[in-house]
Amino acid sequence: MSTSSFVTRERAAQAAFFAETLPADARIDGWPYRLRPEHRMLNLMPELRSVAEGHFAERGIVWHRHAAHGLSSQACCLNFLMPLAHRPELLSSVIGSALGIEPPQMLPINRPPDEPPLYIDFEWTGSADYLDEWPKSGRATRGANATSADAVVRFQDGAEVRTVLIEWKYTESYGAPLVERGNPTRRLRYTDKLFAPEGPIRADADVTLDDFFYEPLYQLVRQQMLAWRMERAREDGADRVTVLHLSPAGNRTLHRVTSPRLRERGDDVFEVFRSLLAHPDDFTGTTIERAFRPVLTAGHADPAIVEWAAYLRRRYSYVNGTA
């Protein structure tokens, strides 16, 4: 299936889902897969709406500009992952499947004094200004104007504590280079953080920072630099920090190599990117279908999990396909 047909199908699926489950006045006339901005919380499954709104507000997390769009990757990420924030056994199954390891022992991200442990958090920027991006007045706003991961988890991996930054995609695809007027700032900020031993890219890779000024490569390399520096700082006791990229199997155009100089290295951007890393195992790219198959196909005694799985299979029907 081409990405154009994938996007068309998902657009139609979201429009049909909204028509069946949401009031007409919540939708934008002529755009049946988009919600009015004031109704963006309806983009989440009902049980998540107040939870997500409170979680973001308490942590100063910014909603993405298209959070009210049926194809929002942020809403998609929350619908899949947020119900697992207090269910480490299910989250462990997802993470183990995604990384190709045995289900690990999940560790809390933080422990609010009067709340249960939280095993996943969202729009993660790290605890320090590792990439010289934060405003001089204080820390970065999570979800805006600084490198961040859509989600973050921690777990015990043998003798190591491991943190994983998760990037989530839905129908995105890319082609054009970044706007050039920002390149001087990008070079000043990131050049000394790119190559090993000061960064994640192989010193002998025969590439420059400019070769990464094409999405999704630009986002991939910034997240990998963030992970590299979090690991060196042993943030939250982590011995190792890696990146996990999740996207639907049907979105093949997302895999296109957009950087002209890197096209000679292969035709899958995630494989090419991995080959450039000093430690290739620090990046894993896999499908949402593969990661979630164990929990979506298993029987569950908890009615809330049964309802969540049914919601995902109904709204995001691609997850019922093959990985």
Protein backbone atom coordinates (compact mmCIF):
# COMPACT_ATOMS: atom_id res chain seq x y z
CA MET A 1 0.00 0.00 0.00
CA SER A 2 1.39 3.40 -0.94
CA THR A 3 1.53 6.12 1.69
CA SER A 4 -0.92 8.24 -0.29
CA SER A 5 -3.47 5.43 -0.15
CA PHE A 6 -2.57 4.84 3.51
CA VAL A 7 -3.23 8.50 4.33
CA THR A 8 -6.45 8.49 2.31
CA ARG A 9 -7.68 5.40 4.07
CA GLU A 10 -6.78 6.72 7.53
CA ARG A 11 -8.42 10.07 6.78
CA ALA A 12 -11.63 8.25 5.81
CA ALA A 13 -11.38 6.00 8.85
CA GLN A 14 -11.03 8.93 11.23
CA ALA A 15 -13.92 10.77 9.57
CA ALA A 16 -16.14 7.70 9.95
CA PHE A 17 -15.07 7.20 13.55
CA PHE A 18 -15.81 10.81 14.46
CA ALA A 19 -19.19 10.65 12.71
CA GLU A 20 -20.13 7.54 14.69
CA THR A 21 -18.87 8.62 18.10
CA LEU A 22 -18.80 12.43 18.36
CA PRO A 23 -21.42 15.18 18.05
CA ALA A 24 -21.57 16.98 14.69
CA ASP A 25 -20.88 20.39 16.23
CA ALA A 26 -17.48 19.14 17.47
CA ARG A 27 -16.30 18.67 13.88
CA ILE A 28 -15.26 21.29 11.33
CA ASP A 29 -17.67 21.63 8.42
CA GLY A 30 -16.11 20.26 5.26
CA TRP A 31 -13.31 18.58 7.24
CA PRO A 32 -14.96 15.52 8.80
CA TYR A 33 -11.67 14.18 10.21
CA ARG A 34 -10.88 17.42 12.08
CA LEU A 35 -12.26 18.72 15.35
CA ARG A 36 -12.81 22.29 16.36
CA PRO A 37 -9.82 23.41 18.47
CA GLU A 38 -11.92 23.76 21.62
CA HIS A 39 -12.91 20.10 21.26
CA ARG A 40 -9.39 18.70 20.90
CA MET A 41 -9.76 16.48 23.98
CA LEU A 42 -12.39 14.50 22.10
CA ASN A 43 -9.47 13.24 20.00
CA LEU A 44 -8.61 10.98 22.93
CA MET A 45 -10.50 7.98 24.20
CA PRO A 46 -13.05 9.10 26.82
CA GLU A 47 -11.21 7.66 29.83
CA LEU A 48 -8.05 9.61 28.94
CA ARG A 49 -9.42 13.08 28.39
CA SER A 50 -9.32 14.50 31.89
CA VAL A 51 -6.22 12.46 32.77
CA ALA A 52 -4.24 13.77 29.80
CA GLU A 53 -5.42 17.34 30.26
CA GLY A 54 -4.35 17.29 33.91
CA HIS A 55 -1.04 15.58 33.17
CA PHE A 56 -0.09 18.15 30.53
CA ALA A 57 -1.25 21.12 32.61
CA GLU A 58 0.64 20.03 35.73
CA ARG A 59 3.89 19.59 33.80
CA GLY A 60 3.56 22.59 31.50
CA ILE A 61 3.43 20.38 28.40
CA VAL A 62 2.25 22.08 25.21
CA TRP A 63 -0.28 20.43 22.93
CA HIS A 64 0.78 20.14 19.30
CA ARG A 65 -0.74 22.60 16.85
CA HIS A 66 -2.73 19.83 15.16
CA ALA A 67 -3.86 18.11 18.35
CA ALA A 68 -7.49 18.42 17.16
CA HIS A 69 -6.79 16.62 13.88
CA GLY A 70 -7.93 13.03 13.51
CA LEU A 71 -4.51 12.14 12.09
CA SER A 72 -2.63 13.75 14.99
CA SER A 73 0.36 11.62 15.93
CA GLN A 74 0.31 13.14 19.43
CA ALA A 75 -3.28 12.02 20.00
CA CYS A 76 -2.46 8.63 18.50
CA CYS A 77 0.54 8.23 20.80
CA LEU A 78 -1.50 9.12 23.86
CA ASN A 79 -4.34 6.80 22.93
CA PHE A 80 -1.92 3.89 22.65
CA LEU A 81 0.51 4.61 25.46
CA MET A 82 -1.11 6.69 28.21
CA PRO A 83 -3.40 3.86 29.43
CA LEU A 84 -0.21 1.89 30.21
CA ALA A 85 1.32 4.60 32.42
CA HIS A 86 0.22 2.77 35.59
CA ARG A 87 0.27 -0.77 34.15
CA PRO A 88 3.95 -1.77 34.04
CA GLU A 89 3.25 -5.40 33.15
CA LEU A 90 1.46 -4.43 29.91
CA LEU A 91 3.96 -1.67 29.12
CA SER A 92 6.73 -4.24 29.59
CA SER A 93 5.13 -6.48 26.98
CA VAL A 94 4.95 -3.60 24.48
CA ILE A 95 8.54 -2.47 25.08
CA GLY A 96 9.90 -6.00 24.95
CA SER A 97 8.12 -6.69 21.66
CA ALA A 98 9.26 -3.37 20.14
CA LEU A 99 12.91 -3.86 21.10
CA GLY A 100 13.04 -7.61 20.47
CA ILE A 101 13.95 -8.45 24.05
CA GLU A 102 12.28 -10.32 26.88
CA PRO A 103 9.66 -8.18 28.64
CA PRO A 104 11.77 -6.11 31.04
CA GLN A 105 11.12 -4.92 34.57
CA MET A 106 9.75 -1.41 34.13
CA LEU A 107 10.95 1.34 36.45
CA PRO A 108 9.05 4.50 37.40
CA ILE A 109 9.81 7.71 35.55
CA ASN A 110 9.00 9.66 38.68
CA ARG A 111 7.08 9.14 41.89
CA PRO A 112 4.62 11.92 42.69
CA PRO A 113 4.29 11.87 46.50
CA ASP A 114 0.54 11.29 46.57
CA GLU A 115 0.13 9.31 43.33
CA PRO A 116 0.96 5.81 42.10
CA PRO A 117 4.30 5.41 40.30
CA LEU A 118 4.29 6.66 36.71
CA TYR A 119 5.96 4.33 34.21
CA ILE A 120 5.76 6.52 31.13
CA ASP A 121 5.86 10.26 30.52
CA PHE A 122 5.38 12.43 27.45
CA GLU A 123 7.10 15.23 25.50
CA TRP A 124 10.38 14.52 27.27
CA THR A 125 13.20 17.06 26.93
CA GLY A 126 15.58 15.66 29.51
CA SER A 127 16.36 17.25 32.85
CA ALA A 128 19.10 19.62 31.60
CA ASP A 129 19.90 21.75 28.56
CA TYR A 130 22.01 19.07 26.91
CA LEU A 131 21.81 20.56 23.39
CA ASP A 132 22.04 24.29 24.24
CA GLU A 133 18.43 24.88 23.17
CA TRP A 134 16.74 26.11 26.32
CA PRO A 135 15.93 29.78 26.96
CA LYS A 136 18.28 31.64 29.24
CA SER A 137 15.38 32.35 31.57
CA GLY A 138 14.88 28.70 32.52
CA ARG A 139 14.03 25.20 31.30
CA ALA A 140 12.46 24.40 27.97
CA THR A 141 8.73 24.14 27.49
CA ARG A 142 7.99 20.48 26.99
CA GLY A 143 6.53 19.89 23.54
CA ALA A 144 7.76 23.15 21.96
CA ASN A 145 10.96 24.83 20.75
CA ALA A 146 13.41 22.18 21.97
CA THR A 147 14.36 18.62 21.11
CA SER A 148 11.97 16.23 22.81
CA ALA A 149 10.71 12.68 22.59
CA ASP A 150 7.02 11.88 22.34
CA ALA A 151 7.38 9.54 25.32
CA VAL A 152 9.99 8.13 27.68
CA VAL A 153 10.24 4.88 29.64
CA ARG A 154 12.78 3.28 31.98
CA PHE A 155 13.48 -0.35 32.78
CA GLN A 156 15.99 -2.80 34.19
CA ASP A 157 17.96 -4.57 31.45
CA GLY A 158 20.09 -7.16 33.20
CA ALA A 159 22.49 -5.22 35.38
CA GLU A 160 21.77 -1.95 33.54
CA VAL A 161 19.14 0.72 34.01
CA ARG A 162 17.97 1.73 30.57
CA THR A 163 16.01 4.77 29.41
CA VAL A 164 14.26 4.73 26.05
CA LEU A 165 13.13 7.85 24.21
CA ILE A 166 10.12 7.03 22.01
CA GLU A 167 9.27 8.87 18.81
CA TRP A 168 5.77 8.22 17.43
CA LYS A 169 4.59 8.76 13.85
CA TYR A 170 1.23 8.19 12.18
CA THR A 171 0.68 9.49 8.63
CA GLU A 172 3.66 11.86 8.37
CA SER A 173 5.89 11.96 5.31
CA TYR A 174 8.68 14.35 4.35
CA GLY A 175 10.54 15.67 1.35
CA ALA A 176 11.65 19.31 1.33
CA PRO A 177 14.82 20.42 3.15
CA LEU A 178 14.69 22.62 6.21
CA VAL A 179 14.43 26.37 5.69
CA GLU A 180 18.02 27.46 5.09
CA ARG A 181 17.88 30.66 7.11
CA GLY A 182 17.99 28.56 10.28
CA ASN A 183 21.08 26.59 9.27
CA PRO A 184 23.73 28.91 10.80
CA THR A 185 22.08 28.53 14.20
CA ARG A 186 21.79 24.77 13.73
CA ARG A 187 25.48 24.48 12.83
CA LEU A 188 26.54 26.57 15.80
CA ARG A 189 24.38 24.58 18.20
CA TYR A 190 24.92 20.99 17.08
CA THR A 191 28.17 20.57 15.10
CA ASP A 192 30.30 19.87 18.18
CA LYS A 193 27.72 17.38 19.48
CA LEU A 194 27.35 15.27 16.36
CA PHE A 195 30.39 13.00 15.97
CA ALA A 196 31.86 10.35 18.23
CA PRO A 197 33.30 10.50 20.77
CA GLU A 198 31.32 13.69 21.52
CA GLY A 199 28.13 12.52 19.82
CA PRO A 200 26.31 9.55 18.31
CA ILE A 201 27.45 9.64 14.64
CA ARG A 202 30.52 7.65 13.56
CA ALA A 203 33.57 9.84 13.16
CA ASP A 204 34.40 8.05 9.89
CA ALA A 205 30.86 8.28 8.45
CA ASP A 206 31.84 10.88 5.80
CA VAL A 207 28.80 13.07 6.46
CA THR A 208 28.25 16.62 7.67
CA LEU A 209 25.57 18.14 9.84
CA ASP A 210 24.06 19.67 6.70
CA ASP A 211 23.31 16.17 5.41
CA PHE A 212 20.83 15.86 8.27
CA PHE A 213 18.93 19.06 7.42
CA TYR A 214 16.08 17.01 5.97
CA GLU A 215 13.22 15.52 7.94
CA PRO A 216 12.86 13.00 9.41
CA LEU A 217 16.68 12.87 9.66
CA TYR A 218 16.95 16.19 11.46
CA GLN A 219 14.59 15.02 14.18
CA LEU A 220 16.25 11.60 14.38
CA VAL A 221 19.74 13.00 14.85
CA ARG A 222 18.66 15.55 17.49
CA GLN A 223 16.92 12.87 19.51
CA GLN A 224 19.96 10.64 19.23
CA MET A 225 22.19 13.48 20.41
CA LEU A 226 19.81 14.03 23.33
CA ALA A 227 19.96 10.32 24.21
CA TRP A 228 23.76 10.32 23.93
CA ARG A 229 24.11 13.23 26.35
CA MET A 230 21.48 11.91 28.78
CA GLU A 231 23.46 8.68 28.94
CA ARG A 232 26.76 10.45 29.63
CA ALA A 233 25.06 12.46 32.37
CA ARG A 234 23.52 9.24 33.77
CA GLU A 235 20.21 11.03 33.96
CA ASP A 236 17.91 9.41 36.51
CA GLY A 237 20.51 6.69 37.08
CA ALA A 238 20.45 5.41 33.49
CA ASP A 239 23.41 3.35 32.32
CA ARG A 240 22.16 3.42 28.76
CA VAL A 241 19.79 5.71 26.80
CA THR A 242 18.43 4.67 23.40
CA VAL A 243 15.82 5.79 20.88
CA LEU A 244 12.79 3.78 19.72
CA HIS A 245 10.91 4.93 16.61
CA LEU A 246 7.36 3.62 16.13
CA SER A 247 5.18 4.08 13.04
CA PRO A 248 2.49 2.15 11.14
CA ALA A 249 3.67 -0.51 8.72
CA GLY A 250 1.53 1.05 5.98
CA ASN A 251 3.33 4.40 6.03
CA ARG A 252 6.11 3.49 3.64
CA THR A 253 6.87 6.98 2.34
CA LEU A 254 8.03 7.90 5.85
CA HIS A 255 10.97 5.55 5.14
CA ARG A 256 12.13 7.52 2.09
CA VAL A 257 15.70 8.88 2.27
CA THR A 258 15.19 12.62 1.87
CA SER A 259 18.81 13.77 2.09
CA PRO A 260 20.43 13.70 -1.39
CA ARG A 261 23.89 12.73 -0.12
CA LEU A 262 22.55 9.87 1.96
CA ARG A 263 20.46 8.25 -0.80
CA GLU A 264 23.49 6.38 -2.08
CA ARG A 265 23.63 4.54 1.25
CA GLY A 266 20.23 2.87 0.95
CA ASP A 267 16.53 3.38 0.38
CA ASP A 268 15.23 3.17 3.96
CA VAL A 269 15.94 6.26 6.06
CA PHE A 270 15.86 4.37 9.34
CA GLU A 271 18.32 1.72 8.15
CA VAL A 272 20.59 4.41 6.71
CA PHE A 273 20.45 6.43 9.92
CA ARG A 274 21.22 3.36 12.03
CA SER A 275 24.25 2.58 9.86
CA LEU A 276 25.69 6.03 10.62
CA LEU A 277 25.65 5.55 14.38
CA ALA A 278 28.77 4.72 16.34
CA HIS A 279 26.55 2.29 18.27
CA PRO A 280 23.82 1.13 15.86
CA ASP A 281 21.88 -0.67 18.60
CA ASP A 282 21.19 2.72 20.19
CA PHE A 283 18.39 3.17 17.62
CA THR A 284 15.48 0.83 16.93
CA GLY A 285 12.85 1.47 14.29
CA THR A 286 9.83 -0.82 14.21
CA THR A 287 6.09 -0.82 13.64
CA ILE A 288 3.26 0.00 15.98
CA GLU A 289 1.61 -3.26 14.92
CA ARG A 290 4.60 -5.33 16.05
CA ALA A 291 4.99 -3.50 19.33
CA PHE A 292 1.35 -3.76 20.36
CA ARG A 293 0.37 -7.15 18.97
CA PRO A 294 1.07 -8.99 22.27
CA VAL A 295 -1.30 -6.80 24.30
CA LEU A 296 -3.97 -6.35 21.62
CA THR A 297 -4.31 -10.05 20.89
CA ALA A 298 -4.09 -11.37 24.45
CA GLY A 299 -7.13 -11.96 26.62
CA HIS A 300 -7.45 -9.54 29.53
CA ALA A 301 -9.40 -9.82 32.76
CA ASP A 302 -9.36 -6.06 33.34
CA PRO A 303 -12.43 -4.51 31.66
CA ALA A 304 -10.61 -1.20 31.25
CA ILE A 305 -7.88 -2.88 29.18
CA VAL A 306 -10.45 -4.78 27.14
CA GLU A 307 -12.19 -1.48 26.37
CA TRP A 308 -8.90 0.24 25.51
CA ALA A 309 -7.86 -2.53 23.13
CA ALA A 310 -11.28 -2.46 21.45
CA TYR A 311 -11.03 1.32 21.03
CA LEU A 312 -7.63 1.04 19.33
CA ARG A 313 -8.72 -1.75 17.00
CA ARG A 314 -11.84 0.17 16.04
CA ARG A 315 -10.33 3.61 15.60
CA TYR A 316 -6.90 2.65 14.24
CA SER A 317 -7.87 -0.38 12.19
CA TYR A 318 -4.40 -0.60 10.62
CA VAL A 319 -3.21 -2.12 13.88
CA ASN A 320 -5.18 -5.26 13.03
CA GLY A 321 -2.93 -5.87 10.03
CA THR A 322 0.50 -7.41 9.71
CA ALA A 323 3.70 -5.77 10.91
